[in-house]
Amino acid sequence: ADFTSQFEEQILMLGKGQLNPQFVLKDSRNWDSMAIIETISLIDDN
């Protein structure tokens, strides 16, 4: 839940509760090379 919330709000910049396991990443205009770097950092840090 914590990872989902941070990924949803900080990386994809979606509203709370919009992200689910079936969410197609390429459907988000925010899923780009910077988001990948931020995701790597989120995973590494936490």
All heavy atoms as atom14 arrays in JSON, in Angstrom:
{
  "sequence": "ADFTSQFEEQILMLGKGQLNPQFVLKDSRNWDSMAIIETISLIDDN",
  "atom14_mask": [
    [1, 1, 1, 1, 1, 0, 0, 0, 0, 0, 0, 0, 0, 0],
    [1, 1, 1, 1, 1, 1, 1, 1, 0, 0, 0, 0, 0, 0],
    [1, 1, 1, 1, 1, 1, 1, 1, 1, 1, 1, 0, 0, 0],
    [1, 1, 1, 1, 1, 1, 1, 0, 0, 0, 0, 0, 0, 0],
    [1, 1, 1, 1, 1, 1, 0, 0, 0, 0, 0, 0, 0, 0],
    [1, 1, 1, 1, 1, 1, 1, 1, 1, 0, 0, 0, 0, 0],
    [1, 1, 1, 1, 1, 1, 1, 1, 1, 1, 1, 0, 0, 0],
    [1, 1, 1, 1, 1, 1, 1, 1, 1, 0, 0, 0, 0, 0],
    [1, 1, 1, 1, 1, 1, 1, 1, 1, 0, 0, 0, 0, 0],
    [1, 1, 1, 1, 1, 1, 1, 1, 1, 0, 0, 0, 0, 0],
    [1, 1, 1, 1, 1, 1, 1, 1, 0, 0, 0, 0, 0, 0],
    [1, 1, 1, 1, 1, 1, 1, 1, 0, 0, 0, 0, 0, 0],
    [1, 1, 1, 1, 1, 1, 1, 1, 0, 0, 0, 0, 0, 0],
    [1, 1, 1, 1, 1, 1, 1, 1, 0, 0, 0, 0, 0, 0],
    [1, 1, 1, 1, 0, 0, 0, 0, 0, 0, 0, 0, 0, 0],
    [1, 1, 1, 1, 1, 1, 1, 1, 1, 0, 0, 0, 0, 0],
    [1, 1, 1, 1, 0, 0, 0, 0, 0, 0, 0, 0, 0, 0],
    [1, 1, 1, 1, 1, 1, 1, 1, 1, 0, 0, 0, 0, 0],
    [1, 1, 1, 1, 1, 1, 1, 1, 0, 0, 0, 0, 0, 0],
    [1, 1, 1, 1, 1, 1, 1, 1, 0, 0, 0, 0, 0, 0],
    [1, 1, 1, 1, 1, 1, 1, 0, 0, 0, 0, 0, 0, 0],
    [1, 1, 1, 1, 1, 1, 1, 1, 1, 0, 0, 0, 0, 0],
    [1, 1, 1, 1, 1, 1, 1, 1, 1, 1, 1, 0, 0, 0],
    [1, 1, 1, 1, 1, 1, 1, 0, 0, 0, 0, 0, 0, 0],
    [1, 1, 1, 1, 1, 1, 1, 1, 0, 0, 0, 0, 0, 0],
    [1, 1, 1, 1, 1, 1, 1, 1, 1, 0, 0, 0, 0, 0],
    [1, 1, 1, 1, 1, 1, 1, 1, 0, 0, 0, 0, 0, 0],
    [1, 1, 1, 1, 1, 1, 0, 0, 0, 0, 0, 0, 0, 0],
    [1, 1, 1, 1, 1, 1, 1, 1, 1, 1, 1, 0, 0, 0],
    [1, 1, 1, 1, 1, 1, 1, 1, 0, 0, 0, 0, 0, 0],
    [1, 1, 1, 1, 1, 1, 1, 1, 1, 1, 1, 1, 1, 1],
    [1, 1, 1, 1, 1, 1, 1, 1, 0, 0, 0, 0, 0, 0],
    [1, 1, 1, 1, 1, 1, 0, 0, 0, 0, 0, 0, 0, 0],
    [1, 1, 1, 1, 1, 1, 1, 1, 0, 0, 0, 0, 0, 0],
    [1, 1, 1, 1, 1, 0, 0, 0, 0, 0, 0, 0, 0, 0],
    [1, 1, 1, 1, 1, 1, 1, 1, 0, 0, 0, 0, 0, 0],
    [1, 1, 1, 1, 1, 1, 1, 1, 0, 0, 0, 0, 0, 0],
    [1, 1, 1, 1, 1, 1, 1, 1, 1, 0, 0, 0, 0, 0],
    [1, 1, 1, 1, 1, 1, 1, 0, 0, 0, 0, 0, 0, 0],
    [1, 1, 1, 1, 1, 1, 1, 1, 0, 0, 0, 0, 0, 0],
    [1, 1, 1, 1, 1, 1, 0, 0, 0, 0, 0, 0, 0, 0],
    [1, 1, 1, 1, 1, 1, 1, 1, 0, 0, 0, 0, 0, 0],
    [1, 1, 1, 1, 1, 1, 1, 1, 0, 0, 0, 0, 0, 0],
    [1, 1, 1, 1, 1, 1, 1, 1, 0, 0, 0, 0, 0, 0],
    [1, 1, 1, 1, 1, 1, 1, 1, 0, 0, 0, 0, 0, 0],
    [1, 1, 1, 1, 1, 1, 1, 1, 0, 0, 0, 0, 0, 0]
  ],
  "atom14_positions": [
    [[0.83, -1.22, 0.0], [0.0, 0.0, 0.0], [0.86, 1.26, 0.0], [0.56, 2.22, -0.72], [-0.94, -0.01, 1.19], [0.0, 0.0, 0.0], [0.0, 0.0, 0.0], [0.0, 0.0, 0.0], [0.0, 0.0, 0.0], [0.0, 0.0, 0.0], [0.0, 0.0, 0.0], [0.0, 0.0, 0.0], [0.0, 0.0, 0.0], [0.0, 0.0, 0.0]],
    [[1.93, 1.28, 0.79], [2.83, 2.44, 0.83], [3.52, 2.64, -0.51], [3.62, 3.76, -1.01], [3.89, 2.28, 1.92], [3.32, 2.38, 3.33], [2.24, 2.98, 3.5], [3.97, 1.85, 4.25], [0.0, 0.0, 0.0], [0.0, 0.0, 0.0], [0.0, 0.0, 0.0], [0.0, 0.0, 0.0], [0.0, 0.0, 0.0], [0.0, 0.0, 0.0]],
    [[4.02, 1.55, -1.1], [4.69, 1.65, -2.39], [3.72, 2.13, -3.46], [4.04, 3.02, -4.24], [5.29, 0.29, -2.79], [5.96, 0.33, -4.13], [7.22, 0.88, -4.27], [5.33, -0.17, -5.26], [7.84, 0.94, -5.51], [5.93, -0.13, -6.5], [7.19, 0.43, -6.63], [0.0, 0.0, 0.0], [0.0, 0.0, 0.0], [0.0, 0.0, 0.0]],
    [[2.53, 1.56, -3.45], [1.51, 1.94, -4.44], [1.19, 3.42, -4.32], [1.13, 4.14, -5.33], [0.23, 1.09, -4.26], [0.57, -0.28, -4.46], [-0.85, 1.51, -5.23], [0.0, 0.0, 0.0], [0.0, 0.0, 0.0], [0.0, 0.0, 0.0], [0.0, 0.0, 0.0], [0.0, 0.0, 0.0], [0.0, 0.0, 0.0], [0.0, 0.0, 0.0]],
    [[1.0, 3.88, -3.11], [0.66, 5.29, -2.88], [1.78, 6.21, -3.38], [1.51, 7.2, -4.07], [0.4, 5.51, -1.39], [0.12, 6.86, -1.14], [0.0, 0.0, 0.0], [0.0, 0.0, 0.0], [0.0, 0.0, 0.0], [0.0, 0.0, 0.0], [0.0, 0.0, 0.0], [0.0, 0.0, 0.0], [0.0, 0.0, 0.0], [0.0, 0.0, 0.0]],
    [[3.01, 5.9, -3.03], [4.13, 6.74, -3.46], [4.31, 6.7, -4.98], [4.55, 7.74, -5.61], [5.41, 6.32, -2.76], [5.43, 6.71, -1.29], [6.76, 6.46, -0.65], [7.81, 6.51, -1.29], [6.73, 6.18, 0.65], [0.0, 0.0, 0.0], [0.0, 0.0, 0.0], [0.0, 0.0, 0.0], [0.0, 0.0, 0.0], [0.0, 0.0, 0.0]],
    [[4.2, 5.52, -5.56], [4.35, 5.39, -7.01], [3.24, 6.16, -7.73], [3.49, 6.87, -8.7], [4.32, 3.9, -7.39], [4.6, 3.64, -8.84], [5.9, 3.57, -9.29], [3.57, 3.46, -9.74], [6.17, 3.33, -10.63], [3.83, 3.22, -11.08], [5.14, 3.15, -11.53], [0.0, 0.0, 0.0], [0.0, 0.0, 0.0], [0.0, 0.0, 0.0]],
    [[2.04, 6.01, -7.22], [0.87, 6.65, -7.81], [0.96, 8.17, -7.77], [0.75, 8.85, -8.77], [-0.35, 6.17, -7.03], [-1.67, 6.78, -7.36], [-2.76, 6.16, -6.5], [-2.69, 6.27, -5.26], [-3.68, 5.58, -7.09], [0.0, 0.0, 0.0], [0.0, 0.0, 0.0], [0.0, 0.0, 0.0], [0.0, 0.0, 0.0], [0.0, 0.0, 0.0]],
    [[1.3, 8.7, -6.6], [1.27, 10.15, -6.41], [2.56, 10.85, -6.82], [2.51, 11.94, -7.39], [0.94, 10.46, -4.95], [-0.47, 10.0, -4.56], [-0.77, 10.13, -3.08], [-0.03, 10.85, -2.37], [-1.74, 9.51, -2.62], [0.0, 0.0, 0.0], [0.0, 0.0, 0.0], [0.0, 0.0, 0.0], [0.0, 0.0, 0.0], [0.0, 0.0, 0.0]],
    [[3.71, 10.25, -6.55], [4.98, 10.93, -6.8], [5.55, 10.67, -8.19], [6.2, 11.54, -8.76], [6.01, 10.51, -5.75], [5.63, 10.93, -4.35], [6.59, 10.38, -3.31], [7.61, 9.78, -3.63], [6.25, 10.56, -2.05], [0.0, 0.0, 0.0], [0.0, 0.0, 0.0], [0.0, 0.0, 0.0], [0.0, 0.0, 0.0], [0.0, 0.0, 0.0]],
    [[5.31, 9.48, -8.72], [5.92, 9.15, -10.0], [4.95, 9.33, -11.15], [5.25, 10.02, -12.12], [6.51, 7.73, -9.96], [7.66, 7.74, -8.94], [6.98, 7.29, -11.35], [8.3, 6.43, -8.66], [0.0, 0.0, 0.0], [0.0, 0.0, 0.0], [0.0, 0.0, 0.0], [0.0, 0.0, 0.0], [0.0, 0.0, 0.0], [0.0, 0.0, 0.0]],
    [[3.77, 8.73, -11.05], [2.79, 8.88, -12.13], [1.91, 10.11, -11.97], [1.21, 10.5, -12.89], [1.9, 7.63, -12.21], [2.61, 6.34, -12.6], [1.6, 5.2, -12.72], [3.4, 6.49, -13.89], [0.0, 0.0, 0.0], [0.0, 0.0, 0.0], [0.0, 0.0, 0.0], [0.0, 0.0, 0.0], [0.0, 0.0, 0.0], [0.0, 0.0, 0.0]],
    [[1.96, 10.72, -10.78], [1.19, 11.92, -10.47], [-0.3, 11.72, -10.74], [-0.96, 12.56, -11.36], [1.74, 13.12, -11.22], [3.12, 13.49, -10.75], [3.8, 14.88, -11.65], [5.21, 14.11, -12.41], [0.0, 0.0, 0.0], [0.0, 0.0, 0.0], [0.0, 0.0, 0.0], [0.0, 0.0, 0.0], [0.0, 0.0, 0.0], [0.0, 0.0, 0.0]],
    [[-0.81, 10.6, -10.26], [-2.23, 10.29, -10.35], [-2.9, 10.64, -9.03], [-2.24, 10.76, -8.0], [-2.43, 8.79, -10.61], [-1.86, 8.23, -11.9], [-1.95, 6.71, -11.88], [-2.58, 8.8, -13.09], [0.0, 0.0, 0.0], [0.0, 0.0, 0.0], [0.0, 0.0, 0.0], [0.0, 0.0, 0.0], [0.0, 0.0, 0.0], [0.0, 0.0, 0.0]],
    [[-4.2, 10.76, -9.07], [-4.96, 10.95, -7.85], [-4.98, 9.67, -7.04], [-4.84, 8.57, -7.57], [0.0, 0.0, 0.0], [0.0, 0.0, 0.0], [0.0, 0.0, 0.0], [0.0, 0.0, 0.0], [0.0, 0.0, 0.0], [0.0, 0.0, 0.0], [0.0, 0.0, 0.0], [0.0, 0.0, 0.0], [0.0, 0.0, 0.0], [0.0, 0.0, 0.0]],
    [[-5.14, 9.81, -5.75], [-5.17, 8.67, -4.85], [-6.27, 7.7, -5.26], [-7.39, 8.1, -5.55], [-5.38, 9.13, -3.42], [-5.17, 8.04, -2.39], [-4.95, 8.65, -1.03], [-4.73, 7.6, 0.02], [-3.44, 6.94, -0.08], [0.0, 0.0, 0.0], [0.0, 0.0, 0.0], [0.0, 0.0, 0.0], [0.0, 0.0, 0.0], [0.0, 0.0, 0.0]],
    [[-5.93, 6.42, -5.32], [-6.89, 5.38, -5.63], [-7.06, 5.08, -7.11], [-7.88, 4.24, -7.47], [0.0, 0.0, 0.0], [0.0, 0.0, 0.0], [0.0, 0.0, 0.0], [0.0, 0.0, 0.0], [0.0, 0.0, 0.0], [0.0, 0.0, 0.0], [0.0, 0.0, 0.0], [0.0, 0.0, 0.0], [0.0, 0.0, 0.0], [0.0, 0.0, 0.0]],
    [[-6.3, 5.72, -7.98], [-6.44, 5.49, -9.41], [-5.57, 4.33, -9.92], [-5.78, 3.84, -11.02], [-6.1, 6.74, -10.21], [-7.08, 7.86, -10.02], [-6.76, 9.04, -10.9], [-5.61, 9.28, -11.27], [-7.78, 9.8, -11.25], [0.0, 0.0, 0.0], [0.0, 0.0, 0.0], [0.0, 0.0, 0.0], [0.0, 0.0, 0.0], [0.0, 0.0, 0.0]],
    [[-4.62, 3.91, -9.12], [-3.67, 2.89, -9.55], [-4.09, 1.52, -9.07], [-4.46, 1.34, -7.91], [-2.28, 3.24, -9.01], [-1.11, 2.43, -9.52], [-0.96, 2.56, -11.02], [0.16, 2.89, -8.83], [0.0, 0.0, 0.0], [0.0, 0.0, 0.0], [0.0, 0.0, 0.0], [0.0, 0.0, 0.0], [0.0, 0.0, 0.0], [0.0, 0.0, 0.0]],
    [[-4.05, 0.54, -9.96], [-4.32, -0.85, -9.6], [-3.34, -1.73, -10.39], [-2.67, -1.23, -11.3], [-5.78, -1.22, -9.91], [-6.11, -1.08, -11.37], [-5.48, -1.69, -12.23], [-7.11, -0.28, -11.68], [0.0, 0.0, 0.0], [0.0, 0.0, 0.0], [0.0, 0.0, 0.0], [0.0, 0.0, 0.0], [0.0, 0.0, 0.0], [0.0, 0.0, 0.0]],
    [[-3.24, -3.02, -10.05], [-2.26, -3.87, -10.73], [-2.45, -3.98, -12.24], [-1.49, -4.23, -12.97], [-2.46, -5.23, -10.06], [-2.97, -4.9, -8.7], [-3.86, -3.69, -8.9], [0.0, 0.0, 0.0], [0.0, 0.0, 0.0], [0.0, 0.0, 0.0], [0.0, 0.0, 0.0], [0.0, 0.0, 0.0], [0.0, 0.0, 0.0], [0.0, 0.0, 0.0]],
    [[-3.66, -3.77, -12.74], [-3.9, -3.86, -14.18], [-3.58, -2.57, -14.93], [-3.66, -2.53, -16.17], [-5.37, -4.23, -14.45], [-5.77, -5.61, -13.95], [-6.02, -5.64, -12.45], [-6.42, -4.65, -11.85], [-5.76, -6.78, -11.83], [0.0, 0.0, 0.0], [0.0, 0.0, 0.0], [0.0, 0.0, 0.0], [0.0, 0.0, 0.0], [0.0, 0.0, 0.0]],
    [[-3.21, -1.52, -14.22], [-2.91, -0.23, -14.83], [-1.77, -0.39, -15.84], [-0.68, -0.84, -15.48], [-2.53, 0.8, -13.75], [-2.3, 2.18, -14.29], [-3.35, 3.07, -14.41], [-1.04, 2.58, -14.69], [-3.14, 4.35, -14.92], [-0.81, 3.85, -15.19], [-1.88, 4.73, -15.31], [0.0, 0.0, 0.0], [0.0, 0.0, 0.0], [0.0, 0.0, 0.0]],
    [[-2.02, 0.0, -17.08], [-1.01, -0.09, -18.14], [-0.13, 1.15, -18.06], [-0.6, 2.28, -18.21], [-1.68, -0.21, -19.53], [-0.63, -0.23, -20.63], [-2.56, -1.45, -19.59], [0.0, 0.0, 0.0], [0.0, 0.0, 0.0], [0.0, 0.0, 0.0], [0.0, 0.0, 0.0], [0.0, 0.0, 0.0], [0.0, 0.0, 0.0], [0.0, 0.0, 0.0]],
    [[1.14, 0.93, -17.8], [2.07, 2.03, -17.56], [2.16, 3.01, -18.73], [2.18, 4.22, -18.53], [3.46, 1.48, -17.21], [3.51, 0.67, -15.92], [4.83, -0.09, -15.83], [3.31, 1.56, -14.71], [0.0, 0.0, 0.0], [0.0, 0.0, 0.0], [0.0, 0.0, 0.0], [0.0, 0.0, 0.0], [0.0, 0.0, 0.0], [0.0, 0.0, 0.0]],
    [[2.19, 2.5, -19.95], [2.32, 3.39, -21.11], [1.09, 4.27, -21.31], [1.15, 5.24, -22.06], [2.63, 2.61, -22.37], [1.49, 1.78, -22.88], [1.83, 1.13, -24.19], [0.61, 0.38, -24.69], [0.74, -0.09, -26.02], [0.0, 0.0, 0.0], [0.0, 0.0, 0.0], [0.0, 0.0, 0.0], [0.0, 0.0, 0.0], [0.0, 0.0, 0.0]],
    [[-0.01, 3.95, -20.62], [-1.2, 4.8, -20.7], [-1.05, 6.1, -19.92], [-1.85, 7.01, -20.07], [-2.44, 4.04, -20.21], [-2.89, 2.98, -21.2], [-2.38, 2.96, -22.34], [-3.75, 2.16, -20.82], [0.0, 0.0, 0.0], [0.0, 0.0, 0.0], [0.0, 0.0, 0.0], [0.0, 0.0, 0.0], [0.0, 0.0, 0.0], [0.0, 0.0, 0.0]],
    [[-0.02, 6.17, -19.09], [0.25, 7.39, -18.33], [1.26, 8.24, -19.09], [2.34, 7.75, -19.46], [0.81, 7.06, -16.94], [1.26, 8.24, -16.31], [0.0, 0.0, 0.0], [0.0, 0.0, 0.0], [0.0, 0.0, 0.0], [0.0, 0.0, 0.0], [0.0, 0.0, 0.0], [0.0, 0.0, 0.0], [0.0, 0.0, 0.0], [0.0, 0.0, 0.0]],
    [[0.93, 9.48, -19.31], [1.87, 10.36, -20.01], [3.11, 10.63, -19.16], [4.13, 11.11, -19.65], [1.2, 11.68, -20.38], [0.77, 12.43, -19.15], [0.19, 13.76, -19.45], [0.13, 14.34, -18.11], [-0.5, 15.37, -17.73], [-1.13, 16.02, -18.55], [-0.51, 15.81, -16.53], [0.0, 0.0, 0.0], [0.0, 0.0, 0.0], [0.0, 0.0, 0.0]],
    [[3.04, 10.3, -17.87], [4.17, 10.52, -16.96], [5.12, 9.33, -16.88], [6.14, 9.41, -16.21], [3.67, 10.87, -15.57], [2.96, 12.2, -15.55], [3.37, 13.15, -16.22], [1.86, 12.29, -14.83], [0.0, 0.0, 0.0], [0.0, 0.0, 0.0], [0.0, 0.0, 0.0], [0.0, 0.0, 0.0], [0.0, 0.0, 0.0], [0.0, 0.0, 0.0]],
    [[4.78, 8.21, -17.54], [5.68, 7.05, -17.52], [6.7, 7.24, -18.63], [6.47, 6.93, -19.79], [4.91, 5.74, -17.68], [5.79, 4.53, -17.54], [6.09, 3.63, -18.52], [6.49, 4.08, -16.38], [6.93, 2.66, -18.04], [7.2, 2.91, -16.72], [6.61, 4.56, -15.08], [7.98, 2.22, -15.81], [7.39, 3.88, -14.17], [8.06, 2.72, -14.54]],
    [[7.85, 7.79, -18.25], [8.91, 8.09, -19.21], [10.25, 7.73, -18.58], [10.3, 7.12, -17.51], [8.85, 9.56, -19.64], [8.94, 10.53, -18.46], [9.3, 10.12, -17.33], [8.64, 11.72, -18.67], [0.0, 0.0, 0.0], [0.0, 0.0, 0.0], [0.0, 0.0, 0.0], [0.0, 0.0, 0.0], [0.0, 0.0, 0.0], [0.0, 0.0, 0.0]],
    [[11.33, 8.11, -19.22], [12.66, 7.75, -18.72], [12.93, 8.34, -17.34], [13.57, 7.71, -16.49], [13.74, 8.18, -19.71], [13.69, 9.58, -19.94], [0.0, 0.0, 0.0], [0.0, 0.0, 0.0], [0.0, 0.0, 0.0], [0.0, 0.0, 0.0], [0.0, 0.0, 0.0], [0.0, 0.0, 0.0], [0.0, 0.0, 0.0], [0.0, 0.0, 0.0]],
    [[12.43, 9.53, -17.08], [12.6, 10.14, -15.76], [11.83, 9.35, -14.7], [12.32, 9.14, -13.59], [12.15, 11.6, -15.78], [12.5, 12.32, -14.51], [14.26, 12.16, -14.19], [14.63, 13.75, -13.61], [0.0, 0.0, 0.0], [0.0, 0.0, 0.0], [0.0, 0.0, 0.0], [0.0, 0.0, 0.0], [0.0, 0.0, 0.0], [0.0, 0.0, 0.0]],
    [[10.64, 8.9, -15.04], [9.84, 8.11, -14.1], [10.54, 6.78, -13.78], [10.48, 6.31, -12.64], [8.45, 7.85, -14.67], [0.0, 0.0, 0.0], [0.0, 0.0, 0.0], [0.0, 0.0, 0.0], [0.0, 0.0, 0.0], [0.0, 0.0, 0.0], [0.0, 0.0, 0.0], [0.0, 0.0, 0.0], [0.0, 0.0, 0.0], [0.0, 0.0, 0.0]],
    [[11.21, 6.22, -14.77], [11.95, 4.98, -14.52], [13.08, 5.23, -13.54], [13.28, 4.45, -12.61], [12.44, 4.38, -15.85], [11.22, 3.85, -16.63], [13.47, 3.27, -15.62], [11.51, 3.4, -18.03], [0.0, 0.0, 0.0], [0.0, 0.0, 0.0], [0.0, 0.0, 0.0], [0.0, 0.0, 0.0], [0.0, 0.0, 0.0], [0.0, 0.0, 0.0]],
    [[13.8, 6.31, -13.72], [14.88, 6.66, -12.79], [14.32, 6.91, -11.39], [14.89, 6.45, -10.4], [15.66, 7.89, -13.31], [16.43, 7.53, -14.57], [16.61, 8.44, -12.23], [17.02, 8.69, -15.32], [0.0, 0.0, 0.0], [0.0, 0.0, 0.0], [0.0, 0.0, 0.0], [0.0, 0.0, 0.0], [0.0, 0.0, 0.0], [0.0, 0.0, 0.0]],
    [[13.21, 7.62, -11.31], [12.58, 7.88, -10.01], [12.09, 6.59, -9.36], [12.19, 6.43, -8.14], [11.43, 8.86, -10.17], [11.88, 10.26, -10.53], [10.73, 11.18, -10.92], [9.59, 10.72, -11.09], [10.99, 12.39, -11.04], [0.0, 0.0, 0.0], [0.0, 0.0, 0.0], [0.0, 0.0, 0.0], [0.0, 0.0, 0.0], [0.0, 0.0, 0.0]],
    [[11.6, 5.66, -10.15], [11.15, 4.38, -9.63], [12.33, 3.57, -9.09], [12.25, 2.98, -8.01], [10.4, 3.57, -10.71], [9.3, 4.35, -11.18], [9.89, 2.25, -10.17], [0.0, 0.0, 0.0], [0.0, 0.0, 0.0], [0.0, 0.0, 0.0], [0.0, 0.0, 0.0], [0.0, 0.0, 0.0], [0.0, 0.0, 0.0], [0.0, 0.0, 0.0]],
    [[13.42, 3.57, -9.83], [14.64, 2.89, -9.36], [15.08, 3.48, -8.02], [15.42, 2.75, -7.08], [15.76, 2.98, -10.41], [15.39, 2.13, -11.62], [17.11, 2.56, -9.83], [16.28, 2.34, -12.83], [0.0, 0.0, 0.0], [0.0, 0.0, 0.0], [0.0, 0.0, 0.0], [0.0, 0.0, 0.0], [0.0, 0.0, 0.0], [0.0, 0.0, 0.0]],
    [[15.05, 4.79, -7.91], [15.43, 5.47, -6.67], [14.47, 5.12, -5.54], [14.9, 4.84, -4.41], [15.47, 6.98, -6.89], [15.8, 7.64, -5.71], [0.0, 0.0, 0.0], [0.0, 0.0, 0.0], [0.0, 0.0, 0.0], [0.0, 0.0, 0.0], [0.0, 0.0, 0.0], [0.0, 0.0, 0.0], [0.0, 0.0, 0.0], [0.0, 0.0, 0.0]],
    [[13.17, 5.14, -5.81], [12.16, 4.8, -4.81], [12.4, 3.38, -4.28], [12.38, 3.14, -3.07], [10.76, 4.91, -5.41], [9.59, 4.45, -4.55], [9.4, 5.37, -3.36], [8.31, 4.39, -5.38], [0.0, 0.0, 0.0], [0.0, 0.0, 0.0], [0.0, 0.0, 0.0], [0.0, 0.0, 0.0], [0.0, 0.0, 0.0], [0.0, 0.0, 0.0]],
    [[12.66, 2.45, -5.18], [12.89, 1.06, -4.79], [14.18, 0.94, -4.0], [14.22, 0.29, -2.95], [12.9, 0.15, -6.04], [11.49, 0.1, -6.65], [13.41, -1.24, -5.7], [11.42, -0.51, -8.03], [0.0, 0.0, 0.0], [0.0, 0.0, 0.0], [0.0, 0.0, 0.0], [0.0, 0.0, 0.0], [0.0, 0.0, 0.0], [0.0, 0.0, 0.0]],
    [[15.24, 1.56, -4.48], [16.53, 1.49, -3.81], [16.47, 2.1, -2.41], [16.95, 1.51, -1.45], [17.6, 2.18, -4.66], [19.0, 2.02, -4.09], [19.34, 0.9, -3.67], [19.75, 3.02, -4.08], [0.0, 0.0, 0.0], [0.0, 0.0, 0.0], [0.0, 0.0, 0.0], [0.0, 0.0, 0.0], [0.0, 0.0, 0.0], [0.0, 0.0, 0.0]],
    [[15.86, 3.27, -2.3], [15.8, 3.97, -1.02], [14.93, 3.27, 0.02], [15.25, 3.27, 1.2], [15.26, 5.4, -1.2], [16.23, 6.3, -1.94], [17.41, 5.91, -2.12], [15.8, 7.39, -2.37], [0.0, 0.0, 0.0], [0.0, 0.0, 0.0], [0.0, 0.0, 0.0], [0.0, 0.0, 0.0], [0.0, 0.0, 0.0], [0.0, 0.0, 0.0]],
    [[13.82, 2.69, -0.43], [12.85, 2.15, 0.51], [12.92, 0.64, 0.69], [12.48, 0.12, 1.72], [11.43, 2.54, 0.09], [11.21, 4.02, 0.26], [11.06, 4.52, 1.35], [11.21, 4.73, -0.86], [0.0, 0.0, 0.0], [0.0, 0.0, 0.0], [0.0, 0.0, 0.0], [0.0, 0.0, 0.0], [0.0, 0.0, 0.0], [0.0, 0.0, 0.0]]
  ]
}
